[in-house]
């Protein structure tokens, strides 16, 4: 009898009243999830279009273009 792995649950807790901190926390989580998803994405032929890969890579590019907006300083995090 094969053991089936339990579905992975992803949560992004955002406990702050500061909208900028909330956005930075959420955007960082999105970046990490997209990166993880791309690494575990099923490989396919290089000439085959994959809308998910296109979406994920574009989102990573956009998020990576604004590193200052994704950063919460340690004193702000408290």
C-alpha atoms as a PDB file:
ATOM      1  CA  UNK A   1       0.000   0.000   0.000  1.00  0.00           C
ATOM      2  CA  UNK A   2       1.518   3.329  -1.118  1.00  0.00           C
ATOM      3  CA  UNK A   3       1.516   6.265   1.213  1.00  0.00           C
ATOM      4  CA  UNK A   4       0.016   9.352  -0.327  1.00  0.00           C
ATOM      5  CA  UNK A   5       1.518  12.587   0.823  1.00  0.00           C
ATOM      6  CA  UNK A   6      -0.837  15.058   2.383  1.00  0.00           C
ATOM      7  CA  UNK A   7      -1.538  18.120   0.288  1.00  0.00           C
ATOM      8  CA  UNK A   8       0.760  20.982   1.159  1.00  0.00           C
ATOM      9  CA  UNK A   9      -0.936  23.970   2.728  1.00  0.00           C
ATOM     10  CA  UNK A  10       0.484  27.416   2.190  1.00  0.00           C
ATOM     11  CA  UNK A  11      -0.326  30.286   4.514  1.00  0.00           C
ATOM     12  CA  UNK A  12       0.860  33.841   4.532  1.00  0.00           C
ATOM     13  CA  UNK A  13       0.290  35.377   7.951  1.00  0.00           C
ATOM     14  CA  UNK A  14       0.309  39.158   7.884  1.00  0.00           C
ATOM     15  CA  UNK A  15      -0.045  40.634  11.344  1.00  0.00           C
ATOM     16  CA  UNK A  16       0.444  44.352  10.967  1.00  0.00           C
ATOM     17  CA  UNK A  17      -1.612  47.465  10.661  1.00  0.00           C
ATOM     18  CA  UNK A  18       0.941  48.956   8.276  1.00  0.00           C
ATOM     19  CA  UNK A  19      -0.132  48.442   4.652  1.00  0.00           C
ATOM     20  CA  UNK A  20       3.454  48.754   3.353  1.00  0.00           C
ATOM     21  CA  UNK A  21       4.704  46.014   5.691  1.00  0.00           C
ATOM     22  CA  UNK A  22       1.734  43.849   4.725  1.00  0.00           C
ATOM     23  CA  UNK A  23       2.490  44.266   1.022  1.00  0.00           C
ATOM     24  CA  UNK A  24       6.201  43.546   1.534  1.00  0.00           C
ATOM     25  CA  UNK A  25       5.425  40.395   3.526  1.00  0.00           C
ATOM     26  CA  UNK A  26       2.874  39.160   0.996  1.00  0.00           C
ATOM     27  CA  UNK A  27       5.069  39.967  -2.011  1.00  0.00           C
ATOM     28  CA  UNK A  28       8.017  38.132  -0.435  1.00  0.00           C
ATOM     29  CA  UNK A  29       5.819  35.098   0.158  1.00  0.00           C
ATOM     30  CA  UNK A  30       4.567  35.233  -3.449  1.00  0.00           C
ATOM     31  CA  UNK A  31       8.158  35.438  -4.716  1.00  0.00           C
ATOM     32  CA  UNK A  32       9.162  32.403  -2.644  1.00  0.00           C
ATOM     33  CA  UNK A  33       6.104  30.385  -3.726  1.00  0.00           C
ATOM     34  CA  UNK A  34       6.617  31.174  -7.414  1.00  0.00           C
ATOM     35  CA  UNK A  35      10.303  30.274  -7.166  1.00  0.00           C
ATOM     36  CA  UNK A  36       9.471  26.977  -5.455  1.00  0.00           C
ATOM     37  CA  UNK A  37       6.753  26.220  -7.995  1.00  0.00           C
ATOM     38  CA  UNK A  38       9.104  26.827 -10.923  1.00  0.00           C
ATOM     39  CA  UNK A  39      11.751  24.548  -9.430  1.00  0.00           C
ATOM     40  CA  UNK A  40       9.234  21.733  -9.002  1.00  0.00           C
ATOM     41  CA  UNK A  41       7.452  22.357 -12.325  1.00  0.00           C
ATOM     42  CA  UNK A  42       7.365  19.420 -14.725  1.00  0.00           C
ATOM     43  CA  UNK A  43      10.067  19.758 -17.400  1.00  0.00           C
ATOM     44  CA  UNK A  44       8.966  19.883 -21.026  1.00  0.00           C
ATOM     45  CA  UNK A  45      10.404  20.572 -24.464  1.00  0.00           C
ATOM     46  CA  UNK A  46      12.138  23.939 -24.788  1.00  0.00           C
ATOM     47  CA  UNK A  47      10.003  24.880 -27.803  1.00  0.00           C
ATOM     48  CA  UNK A  48       6.766  24.063 -25.954  1.00  0.00           C
ATOM     49  CA  UNK A  49       4.902  27.097 -24.612  1.00  0.00           C
ATOM     50  CA  UNK A  50       3.969  26.961 -20.960  1.00  0.00           C
ATOM     51  CA  UNK A  51       1.710  29.749 -19.721  1.00  0.00           C
ATOM     52  CA  UNK A  52       2.462  28.982 -16.086  1.00  0.00           C
ATOM     53  CA  UNK A  53       6.222  29.310 -16.617  1.00  0.00           C
ATOM     54  CA  UNK A  54       5.684  32.536 -18.542  1.00  0.00           C
ATOM     55  CA  UNK A  55       3.482  33.923 -15.777  1.00  0.00           C
ATOM     56  CA  UNK A  56       5.799  32.831 -12.951  1.00  0.00           C
ATOM     57  CA  UNK A  57       8.960  34.151 -14.609  1.00  0.00           C
ATOM     58  CA  UNK A  58       7.319  37.490 -15.424  1.00  0.00           C
ATOM     59  CA  UNK A  59       6.034  37.859 -11.855  1.00  0.00           C
ATOM     60  CA  UNK A  60       9.496  37.043 -10.457  1.00  0.00           C
ATOM     61  CA  UNK A  61      11.006  39.604 -12.833  1.00  0.00           C
ATOM     62  CA  UNK A  62       8.557  42.304 -11.748  1.00  0.00           C
ATOM     63  CA  UNK A  63       8.873  41.537  -8.033  1.00  0.00           C
ATOM     64  CA  UNK A  64      12.666  41.424  -8.351  1.00  0.00           C
ATOM     65  CA  UNK A  65      12.642  44.863  -9.988  1.00  0.00           C
ATOM     66  CA  UNK A  66      11.491  46.447  -6.734  1.00  0.00           C
ATOM     67  CA  UNK A  67      13.701  44.978  -3.989  1.00  0.00           C
ATOM     68  CA  UNK A  68      13.278  48.028  -1.735  1.00  0.00           C
ATOM     69  CA  UNK A  69       9.511  47.524  -1.725  1.00  0.00           C
ATOM     70  CA  UNK A  70       9.928  43.892  -0.657  1.00  0.00           C
ATOM     71  CA  UNK A  71      12.119  44.721   2.315  1.00  0.00           C
ATOM     72  CA  UNK A  72      10.891  45.259   5.849  1.00  0.00           C
ATOM     73  CA  UNK A  73      13.656  46.571   8.082  1.00  0.00           C
ATOM     74  CA  UNK A  74      14.218  44.720  11.352  1.00  0.00           C
ATOM     75  CA  UNK A  75      13.077  47.667  13.459  1.00  0.00           C
ATOM     76  CA  UNK A  76       9.921  48.016  11.314  1.00  0.00           C
ATOM     77  CA  UNK A  77       9.241  44.285  11.619  1.00  0.00           C
ATOM     78  CA  UNK A  78       8.860  44.556  15.385  1.00  0.00           C
END
